[in-house]
Amino acid sequence: MMDERHLLERIGTDPNIFSGKPIIRGRRLAVEHVLGMLAAGDDAAVILEHYPWLEPDDIRACLVFARRLVGHERWEMLPVGSAP
């Protein structure tokens, strides 16, 4: 199993692909698409079946990328109530 640094080397950007959004190994598959499939309930086997060139470490790289990205975010819960 690769360490996080090596996994993240699989994620890059190309201004000519999806306007520079993070993609996997220079291909036309955005990290957000893989994350969306996982969030929808697809497991790694289903994703790998749909993208034969994709490797399990690519999916792990997407998860590491997302974890690191949200690790820098801060959420502030605002009270919900009726306006005066």
Protein backbone atom coordinates (compact mmCIF):
# COMPACT_ATOMS: atom_id res chain seq x y z
CA MET A 1 0.00 0.00 0.00
CA MET A 2 1.31 3.43 -0.94
CA ASP A 3 1.87 6.20 1.54
CA GLU A 4 -0.21 9.36 1.21
CA ARG A 5 2.52 11.34 -0.53
CA HIS A 6 2.75 8.77 -3.31
CA LEU A 7 -1.00 8.47 -3.56
CA LEU A 8 -1.35 12.23 -3.99
CA GLU A 9 1.09 12.13 -6.91
CA ARG A 10 -1.76 10.47 -8.83
CA ILE A 11 -3.86 13.63 -8.53
CA GLY A 12 -3.09 16.58 -10.75
CA THR A 13 -4.63 19.34 -12.78
CA ASP A 14 -4.65 20.33 -16.41
CA PRO A 15 -6.21 23.65 -17.40
CA ASN A 16 -7.46 21.97 -20.59
CA ILE A 17 -9.37 19.25 -18.71
CA PHE A 18 -12.43 20.23 -16.66
CA SER A 19 -11.12 23.80 -16.35
CA GLY A 20 -8.26 22.70 -14.11
CA LYS A 21 -10.26 20.68 -11.58
CA PRO A 22 -8.31 17.88 -9.87
CA ILE A 23 -8.10 14.82 -12.10
CA ILE A 24 -6.63 11.35 -11.82
CA ARG A 25 -3.31 10.64 -13.55
CA GLY A 26 -3.89 13.23 -16.26
CA ARG A 27 -7.00 11.44 -17.51
CA ARG A 28 -10.48 12.82 -18.08
CA LEU A 29 -11.81 11.62 -14.75
CA ALA A 30 -12.28 14.23 -12.04
CA VAL A 31 -11.64 13.45 -8.40
CA GLU A 32 -15.08 14.88 -7.60
CA HIS A 33 -16.68 12.32 -9.92
CA VAL A 34 -15.07 9.40 -8.09
CA LEU A 35 -16.06 10.91 -4.75
CA GLY A 36 -19.60 11.36 -6.04
CA MET A 37 -19.81 7.71 -7.06
CA LEU A 38 -18.58 6.64 -3.63
CA ALA A 39 -21.08 8.96 -1.95
CA ALA A 40 -23.87 7.48 -4.08
CA GLY A 41 -23.03 4.05 -2.71
CA ASP A 42 -20.87 2.59 -5.46
CA ASP A 43 -18.05 0.51 -4.09
CA ALA A 44 -14.53 0.41 -5.49
CA ALA A 45 -15.25 -2.73 -7.53
CA VAL A 46 -18.09 -1.02 -9.41
CA ILE A 47 -16.00 2.07 -10.10
CA LEU A 48 -13.06 -0.01 -11.30
CA GLU A 49 -15.40 -1.97 -13.57
CA HIS A 50 -16.63 1.26 -15.22
CA TYR A 51 -13.08 2.61 -15.68
CA PRO A 52 -10.79 -0.32 -16.61
CA TRP A 53 -7.67 1.87 -16.59
CA LEU A 54 -8.36 3.01 -13.02
CA GLU A 55 -6.44 1.36 -10.18
CA PRO A 56 -7.47 0.85 -6.54
CA ASP A 57 -4.77 3.31 -5.46
CA ASP A 58 -6.41 5.96 -7.64
CA ILE A 59 -9.58 5.66 -5.57
CA ARG A 60 -7.56 5.82 -2.35
CA ALA A 61 -5.80 8.90 -3.72
CA CYS A 62 -9.19 10.60 -4.20
CA LEU A 63 -10.11 9.87 -0.59
CA VAL A 64 -6.78 11.15 0.73
CA PHE A 65 -7.13 14.28 -1.40
CA ALA A 66 -10.62 14.94 -0.05
CA ARG A 67 -9.58 14.32 3.56
CA ARG A 68 -6.68 16.72 3.26
CA LEU A 69 -8.84 19.34 1.59
CA VAL A 70 -11.57 19.28 4.23
CA GLY A 71 -8.93 19.09 6.95
CA HIS A 72 -8.17 22.74 6.16
CA GLU A 73 -11.80 23.83 6.31
CA ARG A 74 -13.61 25.19 9.34
CA TRP A 75 -17.36 25.02 9.72
CA GLU A 76 -19.32 27.45 11.77
CA MET A 77 -22.87 26.46 12.62
CA LEU A 78 -25.19 29.42 12.46
CA PRO A 79 -28.34 29.44 14.55
CA VAL A 80 -31.51 28.93 12.58
CA GLY A 81 -34.52 30.92 13.63
CA SER A 82 -37.19 33.28 12.47
CA ALA A 83 -36.19 36.70 11.27
CA PRO A 84 -37.26 39.64 13.52
